[in-house]
C-alpha cells in the first residue's frame, strides 16, 4: 500500500501500515511502512506482477519500509527489510536497478550461479529471471528503463540493442563502484528536489546515469569492437544532422534521434561530425542551445520574470555556474549582464 497521507493507518489484514513523517509528502514521492508480510506482498504485486515472495518460516518481527521518488521514467528507491525475505522466479522486467546494499545480507541466484553482495557493496538487479534473498537488509537504488541503457550502449559502441546484455552483477572495480554511487547520489538529490523538471535536463541525466551503469557492471558493450560505420560519413550527413538539431534543439533529443533524422546509424553521425566539424553531435547541440539561451536573455524585458537560472534550465544546463562559464567563453560576458545591461 503506497500512499501519501500522514499519521497511522490500521491495515485490513494483520499489521500496521504507517507513514512516519508528520508533513504531507510531495506528489512525486510515495512511501510505505508495514509490519505485515501480506501488505508488503500486495504492494509488490502492484509493481512487479508474476513474481513469488516468501518470508522465512517462523520469522518474527517482520518490517518493511520503502520510499520512492519518481520523475519521468527515473526513480530513486530507499528500502529496509527486517527478517529474511526471499523472492523466487522474478520474471523479466523493462527496467534495471543497481542498489547500494549498505546493511544486512543480499544473495542472488542468476543463471545458475550464486552472487553474494559484499558488505556495503553495489549489485546489479538484472532485468531477466533471477531469485534473491534479503536478510535484514537496507539499500538505496536508482531505477531506469532498459530502453535507455540499450540506446546509450548503441550510441557509444555501435552494439545493436538486441545484442546488448549484462554478463555479471558485481562492479568491475572499486573505482567503478565509487563512481556509480556518486552518480546515484546526484540522481537522488536531483529527483527529490525536482531539479530535473526540464525535459532537456532529465534526458541528459538519463544519459549520464546509463553511461555510468554501463561503465560499472559487466556487459557486452564493454567487450564489443566498435564497428566501422556501414553508412558513409559524408558532409551531407553533417548537413542533415545539423538541420535536425537546429529544428529540434528545444526537445530532449539523443544521438540516436539525431542519427535517425540524418538517415544514418549513430556511429556514422558521430564519425561525420568528428571528420568534418572536429566535434561531436552532442557538443554541437550544446552550442545551439547556448545560442538559444543567449537569444532568450537578449529578448527579455524588464519585469517579465526572466532569470538566468530559469533560462539555463530551460535549455538543458543543470548547473547555473557551468552555464555562466560556457556563456562567458562564447559571448565574453556574464549572462546576467546580458539580461540586465
Protein backbone atom coordinates (compact mmCIF):
# COMPACT_ATOMS: atom_id res chain seq x y z
CA UNK A 1 0.00 0.00 0.00
CA UNK A 2 1.75 3.13 -1.19
CA UNK A 3 0.20 6.35 -0.01
CA UNK A 4 0.94 9.98 0.64
CA UNK A 5 -1.25 10.90 3.59
CA UNK A 6 0.04 11.36 7.13
CA UNK A 7 -0.46 9.71 10.51
CA UNK A 8 -1.08 6.00 11.11
CA UNK A 9 -3.44 3.62 9.33
CA UNK A 10 -4.57 0.19 10.55
CA UNK A 11 -4.33 -2.37 7.75
CA UNK A 12 -7.32 -4.53 6.91
CA UNK A 13 -5.08 -7.58 7.34
CA UNK A 14 -2.78 -8.39 10.24
CA UNK A 15 -0.36 -5.50 10.56
CA UNK A 16 0.18 -1.78 10.78
CA UNK A 17 0.87 0.48 7.83
CA UNK A 18 2.12 3.88 8.75
CA UNK A 19 3.81 6.98 7.41
CA UNK A 20 6.35 8.19 9.89
CA UNK A 21 6.60 11.85 8.91
CA UNK A 22 4.02 14.35 10.04
CA UNK A 23 4.14 16.55 6.95
CA UNK A 24 2.34 15.57 3.71
CA UNK A 25 4.60 14.04 1.08
CA UNK A 26 5.25 15.82 -2.23
CA UNK A 27 3.24 14.36 -5.12
CA UNK A 28 6.27 12.66 -6.70
CA UNK A 29 7.26 10.76 -3.54
CA UNK A 30 5.48 7.69 -2.15
CA UNK A 31 6.17 5.75 1.00
CA UNK A 32 5.12 2.54 2.73
CA UNK A 33 5.96 1.30 6.24
CA UNK A 34 4.38 -2.00 7.22
CA UNK A 35 4.84 -4.90 9.63
CA UNK A 36 2.50 -7.12 7.64
CA UNK A 37 4.05 -9.55 5.11
CA UNK A 38 0.69 -9.63 3.32
CA UNK A 39 0.61 -5.85 2.94
CA UNK A 40 4.17 -5.96 1.66
CA UNK A 41 3.27 -8.61 -0.90
CA UNK A 42 0.22 -6.64 -2.07
CA UNK A 43 2.39 -3.55 -2.52
CA UNK A 44 4.92 -5.51 -4.58
CA UNK A 45 2.25 -7.22 -6.68
CA UNK A 46 1.03 -3.86 -7.96
CA UNK A 47 4.54 -3.00 -9.18
CA UNK A 48 6.02 -6.36 -10.17
CA UNK A 49 3.48 -8.83 -11.49
CA UNK A 50 4.08 -12.59 -11.80
CA UNK A 51 6.72 -12.93 -9.09
CA UNK A 52 6.77 -15.06 -5.96
CA UNK A 53 7.74 -13.82 -2.50
CA UNK A 54 8.05 -15.59 0.82
CA UNK A 55 9.05 -14.60 4.33
CA UNK A 56 11.22 -17.13 6.10
CA UNK A 57 9.09 -19.62 8.04
CA UNK A 58 8.93 -18.76 11.72
CA UNK A 59 10.39 -15.28 11.20
CA UNK A 60 9.35 -12.78 13.85
CA UNK A 61 9.37 -9.02 13.77
CA UNK A 62 8.92 -8.59 10.04
CA UNK A 63 9.07 -4.95 8.96
CA UNK A 64 9.31 -3.28 5.57
CA UNK A 65 9.91 0.37 4.76
CA UNK A 66 10.28 1.83 1.28
CA UNK A 67 10.31 5.34 -0.16
CA UNK A 68 10.27 6.10 -3.87
CA UNK A 69 10.85 9.41 -5.60
CA UNK A 70 9.84 9.43 -9.27
CA UNK A 71 10.41 11.93 -12.02
CA UNK A 72 9.52 10.89 -15.55
CA UNK A 73 10.99 7.46 -16.24
CA UNK A 74 13.56 7.73 -13.43
CA UNK A 75 13.00 6.62 -9.84
CA UNK A 76 15.11 6.54 -6.71
CA UNK A 77 14.20 3.93 -4.10
CA UNK A 78 15.23 3.52 -0.46
CA UNK A 79 14.10 0.29 1.22
CA UNK A 80 14.65 -1.51 4.51
CA UNK A 81 13.73 -5.09 5.48
CA UNK A 82 13.64 -6.72 8.90
CA UNK A 83 13.52 -10.55 8.81
CA UNK A 84 14.66 -12.63 5.88
CA UNK A 85 12.59 -12.28 2.73
CA UNK A 86 13.13 -14.37 -0.40
CA UNK A 87 11.99 -13.57 -3.93
CA UNK A 88 11.77 -16.53 -6.29
CA UNK A 89 11.22 -16.70 -10.05
CA UNK A 90 11.36 -12.97 -10.62
CA UNK A 91 10.30 -12.52 -14.27
CA UNK A 92 11.93 -10.27 -16.90
CA UNK A 93 11.15 -6.58 -16.44
CA UNK A 94 11.56 -3.45 -18.58
CA UNK A 95 13.83 -1.62 -16.15
CA UNK A 96 17.13 -2.10 -14.38
CA UNK A 97 18.35 -1.10 -10.93
CA UNK A 98 21.68 -1.38 -9.13
CA UNK A 99 21.27 -0.85 -5.40
CA UNK A 100 23.87 0.01 -2.80
CA UNK A 101 23.28 -2.55 -0.07
CA UNK A 102 24.53 -0.69 2.98
CA UNK A 103 23.47 -3.15 5.66
CA UNK A 104 22.29 -6.74 6.01
CA UNK A 105 22.69 -9.66 3.63
CA UNK A 106 21.76 -9.86 -0.05
CA UNK A 107 22.24 -13.02 -2.13
CA UNK A 108 21.11 -13.50 -5.74
CA UNK A 109 20.88 -16.61 -7.86
CA UNK A 110 21.26 -15.75 -11.53
CA UNK A 111 21.89 -18.06 -14.46
CA UNK A 112 22.72 -20.92 -12.10
CA UNK A 113 25.32 -19.01 -10.06
CA UNK A 114 25.07 -17.57 -6.57
CA UNK A 115 26.15 -13.94 -6.17
CA UNK A 116 26.80 -12.68 -2.63
CA UNK A 117 26.91 -8.91 -2.30
CA UNK A 118 29.92 -7.79 -0.24
CA UNK A 119 29.37 -5.53 2.79
CA UNK A 120 28.31 -2.04 1.68
CA UNK A 121 28.57 -3.17 -1.93
CA UNK A 122 26.60 -2.43 -5.08
CA UNK A 123 24.90 -5.09 -7.16
CA UNK A 124 23.01 -5.13 -10.41
CA UNK A 125 19.44 -6.39 -10.20
CA UNK A 126 19.17 -7.92 -13.69
CA UNK A 127 16.20 -7.31 -15.97
CA UNK A 128 15.87 -11.05 -16.66
CA UNK A 129 14.99 -14.06 -14.50
CA UNK A 130 16.62 -14.32 -11.07
CA UNK A 131 15.89 -15.08 -7.43
CA UNK A 132 17.03 -13.12 -4.38
CA UNK A 133 17.29 -13.31 -0.60
CA UNK A 134 17.30 -10.18 1.57
CA UNK A 135 18.09 -10.75 5.25
CA UNK A 136 17.54 -7.70 7.49
CA UNK A 137 18.85 -5.59 4.65
CA UNK A 138 18.73 -1.92 3.70
CA UNK A 139 19.55 -0.47 0.30
CA UNK A 140 19.17 2.54 -1.95
CA UNK A 141 18.96 2.41 -5.73
CA UNK A 142 18.31 4.27 -8.93
CA UNK A 143 15.82 2.62 -11.31
CA UNK A 144 15.85 3.35 -15.04
CA UNK A 145 14.32 1.90 -18.22
CA UNK A 146 16.31 -0.74 -20.09
CA UNK A 147 15.48 1.01 -23.35
CA UNK A 148 17.61 3.97 -22.23
CA UNK A 149 20.51 1.68 -21.32
CA UNK A 150 20.36 -0.13 -24.67
CA UNK A 151 20.20 3.15 -26.57
CA UNK A 152 23.26 4.59 -24.82
CA UNK A 153 25.15 1.34 -25.41
CA UNK A 154 24.35 1.56 -29.11
CA UNK A 155 25.35 5.22 -29.33
CA UNK A 156 28.71 4.67 -27.64
CA UNK A 157 29.79 1.33 -29.13
CA UNK A 158 27.56 0.64 -32.11
CA UNK A 159 26.23 -2.51 -30.41
CA UNK A 160 22.77 -3.40 -31.71
CA UNK A 161 20.13 -3.24 -28.93
CA UNK A 162 19.24 -6.91 -29.45
CA UNK A 163 22.87 -7.86 -28.79
CA UNK A 164 23.12 -6.00 -25.51
CA UNK A 165 23.01 -7.94 -22.25
CA UNK A 166 24.58 -7.83 -18.80
CA UNK A 167 27.18 -10.53 -18.14
CA UNK A 168 27.78 -10.00 -14.41
CA UNK A 169 26.13 -8.49 -11.36
CA UNK A 170 29.05 -7.04 -9.34
CA UNK A 171 31.02 -3.89 -10.25
CA UNK A 172 34.10 -4.35 -12.40
CA UNK A 173 36.26 -2.43 -9.89
CA UNK A 174 36.16 -0.46 -6.65
CA UNK A 175 36.67 2.76 -8.61
CA UNK A 176 33.71 1.94 -10.86
CA UNK A 177 31.53 1.30 -7.81
CA UNK A 178 32.53 4.63 -6.25
CA UNK A 179 31.63 6.46 -9.45
CA UNK A 180 28.27 4.68 -9.60
CA UNK A 181 27.48 5.69 -6.02
CA UNK A 182 28.40 9.31 -6.81
CA UNK A 183 26.04 9.16 -9.79
CA UNK A 184 23.16 7.68 -7.79
CA UNK A 185 23.64 10.22 -5.01
CA UNK A 186 23.41 13.05 -7.54
CA UNK A 187 20.31 11.49 -9.09
CA UNK A 188 18.62 11.10 -5.71
CA UNK A 189 19.17 14.76 -4.85
CA UNK A 190 18.00 15.84 -8.30
CA UNK A 191 14.84 13.70 -8.24
CA UNK A 192 13.87 14.68 -4.71
CA UNK A 193 14.49 18.40 -5.33
CA UNK A 194 12.70 18.24 -8.71
CA UNK A 195 15.67 19.99 -10.32
CA UNK A 196 15.20 17.69 -13.33
CA UNK A 197 11.75 19.02 -14.20
CA UNK A 198 13.07 20.34 -17.52
CA UNK A 199 12.76 17.59 -20.19
CA UNK A 200 16.21 18.52 -21.51
CA UNK A 201 17.82 18.17 -18.08
CA UNK A 202 16.01 14.89 -17.46
CA UNK A 203 17.19 13.45 -20.79
CA UNK A 204 20.78 14.47 -20.02
CA UNK A 205 20.53 12.89 -16.56
CA UNK A 206 19.20 9.64 -18.05
CA UNK A 207 22.12 9.59 -20.48
CA UNK A 208 24.64 10.19 -17.68
CA UNK A 209 23.14 7.53 -15.42
CA UNK A 210 23.02 4.93 -18.19
CA UNK A 211 26.63 5.63 -19.16
CA UNK A 212 27.72 5.23 -15.53
CA UNK A 213 25.80 1.95 -15.23
CA UNK A 214 27.43 0.62 -18.41
CA UNK A 215 30.88 1.52 -17.06
CA UNK A 216 30.23 -0.17 -13.70
CA UNK A 217 28.62 -3.56 -14.33
CA UNK A 218 29.89 -6.18 -16.84
CA UNK A 219 28.02 -6.13 -20.14
CA UNK A 220 28.51 -6.94 -23.80
CA UNK A 221 29.08 -3.28 -24.69
CA UNK A 222 32.37 -3.48 -22.75
CA UNK A 223 33.76 -6.21 -24.97
CA UNK A 224 32.29 -5.47 -28.38
CA UNK A 225 34.54 -3.99 -31.05
CA UNK A 226 33.43 -0.59 -32.29
CA UNK A 227 32.22 -1.24 -35.78
CA UNK A 228 33.17 0.80 -38.79
CA UNK A 229 30.01 2.59 -39.89
CA UNK A 230 28.30 0.94 -42.80
CA UNK A 231 26.82 4.27 -43.89
CA UNK A 232 29.01 6.98 -45.43
CA UNK A 233 30.09 9.71 -43.01
CA UNK A 234 29.83 12.48 -45.57
CA UNK A 235 29.36 16.27 -45.45
CA UNK A 236 25.72 15.65 -46.45
CA UNK A 237 25.30 13.58 -43.29
CA UNK A 238 26.52 16.54 -41.22
CA UNK A 239 24.20 18.95 -43.05
CA UNK A 240 21.17 16.75 -42.39
CA UNK A 241 22.17 16.22 -38.77
CA UNK A 242 22.75 19.91 -38.03
CA UNK A 243 19.45 20.80 -39.68
CA UNK A 244 17.71 18.28 -37.44
CA UNK A 245 19.46 19.67 -34.35
CA UNK A 246 18.60 23.26 -35.28
CA UNK A 247 14.94 22.32 -35.65
CA UNK A 248 14.65 20.17 -32.51
CA UNK A 249 17.11 21.80 -30.07
CA UNK A 250 14.28 22.58 -27.63
CA UNK A 251 13.39 18.87 -27.35
CA UNK A 252 15.11 16.09 -25.33
CA UNK A 253 16.82 14.53 -28.37
CA UNK A 254 19.60 11.96 -28.23
CA UNK A 255 22.38 10.94 -30.60
CA UNK A 256 20.10 8.18 -31.85
CA UNK A 257 17.42 10.75 -32.67
CA UNK A 258 19.96 12.94 -34.50
CA UNK A 259 21.22 9.94 -36.47
CA UNK A 260 17.67 8.93 -37.41
CA UNK A 261 16.98 12.50 -38.52
CA UNK A 262 20.05 12.32 -40.76
CA UNK A 263 19.12 8.88 -42.07
CA UNK A 264 22.25 7.10 -40.77
CA UNK A 265 23.43 4.99 -37.84
CA UNK A 266 24.56 6.65 -34.56
CA UNK A 267 28.21 5.71 -35.12
CA UNK A 268 28.06 7.23 -38.60
CA UNK A 269 26.79 10.60 -37.44
CA UNK A 270 29.46 10.69 -34.74
CA UNK A 271 32.17 9.88 -37.29
CA UNK A 272 30.85 12.53 -39.67
CA UNK A 273 30.96 15.27 -37.01
CA UNK A 274 34.49 14.31 -35.98
CA UNK A 275 35.68 14.27 -39.58
CA UNK A 276 34.09 17.48 -40.85
CA UNK A 277 33.29 19.57 -37.75
CA UNK A 278 36.04 18.38 -35.37
CA UNK A 279 33.41 17.99 -32.67
CA UNK A 280 30.56 15.68 -31.64
CA UNK A 281 26.80 15.87 -32.22
CA UNK A 282 26.20 16.48 -28.52
CA UNK A 283 28.76 19.29 -28.38
CA UNK A 284 27.11 20.94 -31.40
CA UNK A 285 23.72 20.53 -29.73
CA UNK A 286 25.03 22.27 -26.58
CA UNK A 287 26.30 25.19 -28.69
CA UNK A 288 22.92 25.56 -30.37
CA UNK A 289 21.14 25.51 -27.03
CA UNK A 290 23.59 28.05 -25.62
CA UNK A 291 22.83 30.32 -28.58
CA UNK A 292 19.08 29.93 -27.98
CA UNK A 293 19.60 30.82 -24.32
CA UNK A 294 21.53 33.91 -25.42
CA UNK A 295 18.66 34.93 -27.68
CA UNK A 296 16.17 34.44 -24.84
CA UNK A 297 18.24 36.60 -22.48
CA UNK A 298 18.59 39.28 -25.15
CA UNK A 299 14.83 39.30 -25.76
CA UNK A 300 13.86 39.52 -22.06
CA UNK A 301 12.05 42.65 -20.93
CA UNK A 302 12.44 44.33 -17.52
CA UNK A 303 9.96 42.93 -15.04
CA UNK A 304 8.93 39.91 -17.12
CA UNK A 305 10.32 37.48 -14.52
CA UNK A 306 13.14 36.07 -16.66
CA UNK A 307 16.08 34.77 -14.62
CA UNK A 308 19.44 33.36 -15.69
CA UNK A 309 18.81 30.13 -13.74
CA UNK A 310 15.43 29.58 -15.40
CA UNK A 311 16.85 30.19 -18.88
CA UNK A 312 19.76 27.83 -18.18
CA UNK A 313 17.43 25.05 -17.02
CA UNK A 314 15.10 25.62 -19.97
CA UNK A 315 17.97 24.91 -22.36
CA UNK A 316 19.35 21.87 -20.55
CA UNK A 317 22.07 23.37 -18.35
CA UNK A 318 21.72 21.78 -14.90
CA UNK A 319 24.36 23.96 -13.25
CA UNK A 320 23.95 27.76 -13.47
CA UNK A 321 27.68 28.09 -12.72
CA UNK A 322 28.69 25.90 -15.67
CA UNK A 323 26.16 27.70 -17.84
CA UNK A 324 27.71 31.05 -16.87
CA UNK A 325 31.23 29.75 -17.62
CA UNK A 326 30.19 28.46 -21.06
CA UNK A 327 28.33 31.70 -21.72
CA UNK A 328 31.37 33.82 -20.86
CA UNK A 329 33.55 31.76 -23.21
CA UNK A 330 31.05 32.17 -26.04
CA UNK A 331 29.90 35.79 -25.54
CA UNK A 332 32.60 37.45 -23.46
CA UNK A 333 30.37 38.47 -20.55
CA UNK A 334 28.22 37.04 -17.79
CA UNK A 335 24.67 36.04 -18.73
CA UNK A 336 23.39 38.38 -16.01
CA UNK A 337 25.00 41.28 -17.84
CA UNK A 338 23.11 40.33 -21.00
CA UNK A 339 19.86 40.08 -19.04
CA UNK A 340 20.40 43.38 -17.22
CA UNK A 341 22.65 45.53 -19.44
